[in-house]
């Protein structure tokens, strides 16, 4: 199934608004999906016998920078039986306030591998995943302040009395 056929399949199932754009340049084309419906789209792509994207190979959080004021998530899906790959992207504006984290639906109920990927995106970028079964820090200590991969992150000078270089 081609990129355009997948795009048509999704618009027929969910309507024209489901795909907000596309990126055809680069090594892998990507579909930009309406952020609040990503779980529905992933479920359809996994369960549809024409696509059967049965494997989430990567989920990455993205900080588009202070000026852009946006956060996003990139999903790399694979169909092992059909030897297909697909990239989906979602994003939302966010004012970077640590009291109001960027929030997206979790796809952990669709792909079990998303559990750890979403925890990493939460831990490193402060992206909150609604409906995640156990969203807590994964790599940083539980009491760490801030999110180290944000573009505006400032390293702490000390942690528990130990100087950080």
C-alpha atoms as a PDB file:
ATOM      1  CA  UNK A   1       0.000   0.000   0.000  1.00  0.00           C
ATOM      2  CA  UNK A   2       1.405   3.384  -0.980  1.00  0.00           C
ATOM      3  CA  UNK A   3       1.610   6.570   1.057  1.00  0.00           C
ATOM      4  CA  UNK A   4      -1.249   8.086  -0.966  1.00  0.00           C
ATOM      5  CA  UNK A   5      -3.405   4.979  -0.518  1.00  0.00           C
ATOM      6  CA  UNK A   6      -2.898   5.149   3.275  1.00  0.00           C
ATOM      7  CA  UNK A   7      -3.788   8.841   3.206  1.00  0.00           C
ATOM      8  CA  UNK A   8      -6.975   8.064   1.249  1.00  0.00           C
ATOM      9  CA  UNK A   9      -7.869   5.219   3.609  1.00  0.00           C
ATOM     10  CA  UNK A  10      -7.610   7.556   6.629  1.00  0.00           C
ATOM     11  CA  UNK A  11      -9.623  10.379   5.045  1.00  0.00           C
ATOM     12  CA  UNK A  12     -12.356   7.936   3.997  1.00  0.00           C
ATOM     13  CA  UNK A  13     -12.544   6.531   7.536  1.00  0.00           C
ATOM     14  CA  UNK A  14     -12.204   9.746   9.581  1.00  0.00           C
ATOM     15  CA  UNK A  15     -12.981  12.617   7.188  1.00  0.00           C
ATOM     16  CA  UNK A  16     -10.839  15.306   5.585  1.00  0.00           C
ATOM     17  CA  UNK A  17      -9.898  16.997   8.881  1.00  0.00           C
ATOM     18  CA  UNK A  18      -7.946  14.035  10.223  1.00  0.00           C
ATOM     19  CA  UNK A  19      -4.866  14.847   8.122  1.00  0.00           C
ATOM     20  CA  UNK A  20      -3.677  18.389   8.722  1.00  0.00           C
ATOM     21  CA  UNK A  21      -0.744  18.209   6.313  1.00  0.00           C
ATOM     22  CA  UNK A  22       2.002  16.051   4.921  1.00  0.00           C
ATOM     23  CA  UNK A  23       5.751  16.095   4.511  1.00  0.00           C
ATOM     24  CA  UNK A  24       7.044  14.432   1.386  1.00  0.00           C
ATOM     25  CA  UNK A  25      10.641  15.664   1.502  1.00  0.00           C
ATOM     26  CA  UNK A  26      13.336  13.793   3.353  1.00  0.00           C
ATOM     27  CA  UNK A  27      13.936  10.089   3.683  1.00  0.00           C
ATOM     28  CA  UNK A  28      10.438   9.122   4.888  1.00  0.00           C
ATOM     29  CA  UNK A  29       7.233  10.944   4.057  1.00  0.00           C
ATOM     30  CA  UNK A  30       5.030  11.795   7.045  1.00  0.00           C
ATOM     31  CA  UNK A  31       1.363  12.442   7.626  1.00  0.00           C
ATOM     32  CA  UNK A  32       0.498  15.267  10.010  1.00  0.00           C
ATOM     33  CA  UNK A  33      -2.456  14.029  12.034  1.00  0.00           C
ATOM     34  CA  UNK A  34      -5.008  15.965  14.102  1.00  0.00           C
ATOM     35  CA  UNK A  35      -3.389  15.558  17.530  1.00  0.00           C
ATOM     36  CA  UNK A  36      -6.434  14.641  19.623  1.00  0.00           C
ATOM     37  CA  UNK A  37      -7.294  11.712  17.319  1.00  0.00           C
ATOM     38  CA  UNK A  38      -3.892  10.002  17.116  1.00  0.00           C
ATOM     39  CA  UNK A  39      -4.998   6.980  19.172  1.00  0.00           C
ATOM     40  CA  UNK A  40      -7.967   6.349  16.837  1.00  0.00           C
ATOM     41  CA  UNK A  41      -5.726   6.628  13.785  1.00  0.00           C
ATOM     42  CA  UNK A  42      -3.115   4.245  15.221  1.00  0.00           C
ATOM     43  CA  UNK A  43      -5.813   1.729  16.173  1.00  0.00           C
ATOM     44  CA  UNK A  44      -7.236   1.826  12.649  1.00  0.00           C
ATOM     45  CA  UNK A  45      -3.798   1.445  11.053  1.00  0.00           C
ATOM     46  CA  UNK A  46      -3.025  -1.494  13.347  1.00  0.00           C
ATOM     47  CA  UNK A  47      -6.340  -3.324  12.929  1.00  0.00           C
ATOM     48  CA  UNK A  48      -7.085  -2.658   9.267  1.00  0.00           C
ATOM     49  CA  UNK A  49      -6.179  -5.795   7.254  1.00  0.00           C
ATOM     50  CA  UNK A  50      -5.013  -3.602   4.352  1.00  0.00           C
ATOM     51  CA  UNK A  51      -2.358  -1.836   6.451  1.00  0.00           C
ATOM     52  CA  UNK A  52      -1.694  -3.923   9.597  1.00  0.00           C
ATOM     53  CA  UNK A  53       0.863  -1.585  11.169  1.00  0.00           C
ATOM     54  CA  UNK A  54       1.581  -4.027  13.970  1.00  0.00           C
ATOM     55  CA  UNK A  55       4.800  -2.507  15.339  1.00  0.00           C
ATOM     56  CA  UNK A  56       5.614   0.870  16.874  1.00  0.00           C
ATOM     57  CA  UNK A  57       9.348   1.100  16.249  1.00  0.00           C
ATOM     58  CA  UNK A  58       9.848   4.577  17.704  1.00  0.00           C
ATOM     59  CA  UNK A  59       7.971   7.381  19.404  1.00  0.00           C
ATOM     60  CA  UNK A  60       9.854  10.643  19.936  1.00  0.00           C
ATOM     61  CA  UNK A  61       8.886  13.851  21.646  1.00  0.00           C
ATOM     62  CA  UNK A  62       9.849  17.080  19.891  1.00  0.00           C
ATOM     63  CA  UNK A  63      10.452  20.584  21.229  1.00  0.00           C
ATOM     64  CA  UNK A  64      10.174  22.900  18.231  1.00  0.00           C
ATOM     65  CA  UNK A  65      11.906  25.699  20.126  1.00  0.00           C
ATOM     66  CA  UNK A  66      11.080  28.685  22.270  1.00  0.00           C
ATOM     67  CA  UNK A  67      10.178  30.905  19.302  1.00  0.00           C
ATOM     68  CA  UNK A  68       7.849  28.321  17.756  1.00  0.00           C
ATOM     69  CA  UNK A  69       6.050  27.642  21.039  1.00  0.00           C
ATOM     70  CA  UNK A  70       5.155  24.112  19.923  1.00  0.00           C
ATOM     71  CA  UNK A  71       5.663  20.569  21.097  1.00  0.00           C
ATOM     72  CA  UNK A  72       4.998  17.435  19.124  1.00  0.00           C
ATOM     73  CA  UNK A  73       5.327  13.693  18.895  1.00  0.00           C
ATOM     74  CA  UNK A  74       6.629  11.625  15.969  1.00  0.00           C
ATOM     75  CA  UNK A  75       5.485   8.013  15.544  1.00  0.00           C
ATOM     76  CA  UNK A  76       7.319   5.469  13.378  1.00  0.00           C
ATOM     77  CA  UNK A  77       5.011   2.578  12.535  1.00  0.00           C
ATOM     78  CA  UNK A  78       5.926  -0.629  10.736  1.00  0.00           C
ATOM     79  CA  UNK A  79       3.886  -3.370   9.144  1.00  0.00           C
ATOM     80  CA  UNK A  80       6.024  -6.467   9.413  1.00  0.00           C
ATOM     81  CA  UNK A  81       3.850  -8.673   7.137  1.00  0.00           C
ATOM     82  CA  UNK A  82       3.609  -6.012   4.402  1.00  0.00           C
ATOM     83  CA  UNK A  83       7.133  -4.616   4.872  1.00  0.00           C
ATOM     84  CA  UNK A  84       5.786  -1.047   5.118  1.00  0.00           C
ATOM     85  CA  UNK A  85       6.849   1.930   7.223  1.00  0.00           C
ATOM     86  CA  UNK A  86       4.851   5.036   8.021  1.00  0.00           C
ATOM     87  CA  UNK A  87       5.640   8.211   9.957  1.00  0.00           C
ATOM     88  CA  UNK A  88       2.873  10.113  11.741  1.00  0.00           C
ATOM     89  CA  UNK A  89       3.388  13.504  13.372  1.00  0.00           C
ATOM     90  CA  UNK A  90       1.266  15.503  15.774  1.00  0.00           C
ATOM     91  CA  UNK A  91       1.899  18.871  17.408  1.00  0.00           C
ATOM     92  CA  UNK A  92       0.229  21.566  19.483  1.00  0.00           C
ATOM     93  CA  UNK A  93       1.112  25.087  20.581  1.00  0.00           C
ATOM     94  CA  UNK A  94       2.242  25.441  24.198  1.00  0.00           C
ATOM     95  CA  UNK A  95       3.469  28.451  26.158  1.00  0.00           C
ATOM     96  CA  UNK A  96       6.188  26.374  27.918  1.00  0.00           C
ATOM     97  CA  UNK A  97       4.702  26.982  31.372  1.00  0.00           C
ATOM     98  CA  UNK A  98       5.772  24.074  33.589  1.00  0.00           C
ATOM     99  CA  UNK A  99       2.366  24.220  35.298  1.00  0.00           C
ATOM    100  CA  UNK A 100       0.607  23.567  31.940  1.00  0.00           C
ATOM    101  CA  UNK A 101       2.464  20.747  30.155  1.00  0.00           C
ATOM    102  CA  UNK A 102       1.778  19.992  26.493  1.00  0.00           C
ATOM    103  CA  UNK A 103      -0.693  17.115  26.396  1.00  0.00           C
ATOM    104  CA  UNK A 104      -1.456  14.426  23.826  1.00  0.00           C
ATOM    105  CA  UNK A 105      -3.495  11.197  23.942  1.00  0.00           C
ATOM    106  CA  UNK A 106      -1.575   8.079  24.917  1.00  0.00           C
ATOM    107  CA  UNK A 107      -1.348   5.233  22.427  1.00  0.00           C
ATOM    108  CA  UNK A 108      -0.119   2.746  25.064  1.00  0.00           C
ATOM    109  CA  UNK A 109      -3.439   0.884  24.770  1.00  0.00           C
ATOM    110  CA  UNK A 110      -2.777   0.408  21.034  1.00  0.00           C
ATOM    111  CA  UNK A 111       0.955  -0.389  21.140  1.00  0.00           C
ATOM    112  CA  UNK A 112       2.453  -1.720  24.378  1.00  0.00           C
ATOM    113  CA  UNK A 113       5.870  -0.388  23.347  1.00  0.00           C
ATOM    114  CA  UNK A 114       4.461   3.132  23.639  1.00  0.00           C
ATOM    115  CA  UNK A 115       4.427   2.757  27.431  1.00  0.00           C
ATOM    116  CA  UNK A 116       8.195   3.344  27.821  1.00  0.00           C
ATOM    117  CA  UNK A 117       8.509   5.681  24.832  1.00  0.00           C
ATOM    118  CA  UNK A 118       5.830   7.986  26.261  1.00  0.00           C
ATOM    119  CA  UNK A 119       7.440   7.888  29.700  1.00  0.00           C
ATOM    120  CA  UNK A 120      10.739   8.962  28.139  1.00  0.00           C
ATOM    121  CA  UNK A 121       9.074  11.855  26.276  1.00  0.00           C
ATOM    122  CA  UNK A 122       7.421  12.891  29.532  1.00  0.00           C
ATOM    123  CA  UNK A 123      10.655  12.645  31.515  1.00  0.00           C
ATOM    124  CA  UNK A 124      12.901  14.434  29.033  1.00  0.00           C
ATOM    125  CA  UNK A 125      10.519  17.005  27.478  1.00  0.00           C
ATOM    126  CA  UNK A 126       7.578  17.294  29.853  1.00  0.00           C
ATOM    127  CA  UNK A 127       5.019  16.029  27.335  1.00  0.00           C
ATOM    128  CA  UNK A 128       1.987  14.669  29.180  1.00  0.00           C
ATOM    129  CA  UNK A 129       0.123  11.674  27.711  1.00  0.00           C
ATOM    130  CA  UNK A 130      -3.570  11.513  28.659  1.00  0.00           C
ATOM    131  CA  UNK A 131      -4.651   7.978  29.511  1.00  0.00           C
ATOM    132  CA  UNK A 132      -1.152   6.593  30.039  1.00  0.00           C
ATOM    133  CA  UNK A 133      -1.283   3.760  32.621  1.00  0.00           C
ATOM    134  CA  UNK A 134       1.823   4.798  34.616  1.00  0.00           C
ATOM    135  CA  UNK A 135       3.215   8.167  33.538  1.00  0.00           C
ATOM    136  CA  UNK A 136       6.207   8.875  35.782  1.00  0.00           C
ATOM    137  CA  UNK A 137       9.886   9.618  35.384  1.00  0.00           C
ATOM    138  CA  UNK A 138      11.904   6.940  33.640  1.00  0.00           C
ATOM    139  CA  UNK A 139      15.499   8.184  33.343  1.00  0.00           C
ATOM    140  CA  UNK A 140      15.766  11.067  35.794  1.00  0.00           C
ATOM    141  CA  UNK A 141      15.354  10.863  39.586  1.00  0.00           C
ATOM    142  CA  UNK A 142      11.765  11.287  40.801  1.00  0.00           C
ATOM    143  CA  UNK A 143      12.592  14.621  42.442  1.00  0.00           C
ATOM    144  CA  UNK A 144      14.393  16.127  39.409  1.00  0.00           C
ATOM    145  CA  UNK A 145      13.173  19.584  38.478  1.00  0.00           C
ATOM    146  CA  UNK A 146      12.564  20.436  34.841  1.00  0.00           C
ATOM    147  CA  UNK A 147      12.889  18.532  31.601  1.00  0.00           C
ATOM    148  CA  UNK A 148      16.473  18.205  30.273  1.00  0.00           C
ATOM    149  CA  UNK A 149      15.759  18.022  26.525  1.00  0.00           C
ATOM    150  CA  UNK A 150      13.705  21.191  26.345  1.00  0.00           C
ATOM    151  CA  UNK A 151      15.430  23.878  24.309  1.00  0.00           C
ATOM    152  CA  UNK A 152      15.175  26.375  27.185  1.00  0.00           C
ATOM    153  CA  UNK A 153      16.331  23.991  29.942  1.00  0.00           C
ATOM    154  CA  UNK A 154      18.920  25.374  32.339  1.00  0.00           C
ATOM    155  CA  UNK A 155      21.148  22.814  34.071  1.00  0.00           C
ATOM    156  CA  UNK A 156      20.919  22.797  37.836  1.00  0.00           C
ATOM    157  CA  UNK A 157      24.120  23.822  39.556  1.00  0.00           C
ATOM    158  CA  UNK A 158      23.727  21.255  42.330  1.00  0.00           C
ATOM    159  CA  UNK A 159      21.729  18.084  42.912  1.00  0.00           C
ATOM    160  CA  UNK A 160      21.491  16.854  46.512  1.00  0.00           C
ATOM    161  CA  UNK A 161      24.592  18.801  47.443  1.00  0.00           C
ATOM    162  CA  UNK A 162      26.682  17.454  44.550  1.00  0.00           C
ATOM    163  CA  UNK A 163      27.983  19.968  41.999  1.00  0.00           C
ATOM    164  CA  UNK A 164      26.862  19.243  38.457  1.00  0.00           C
ATOM    165  CA  UNK A 165      29.370  20.153  35.744  1.00  0.00           C
END
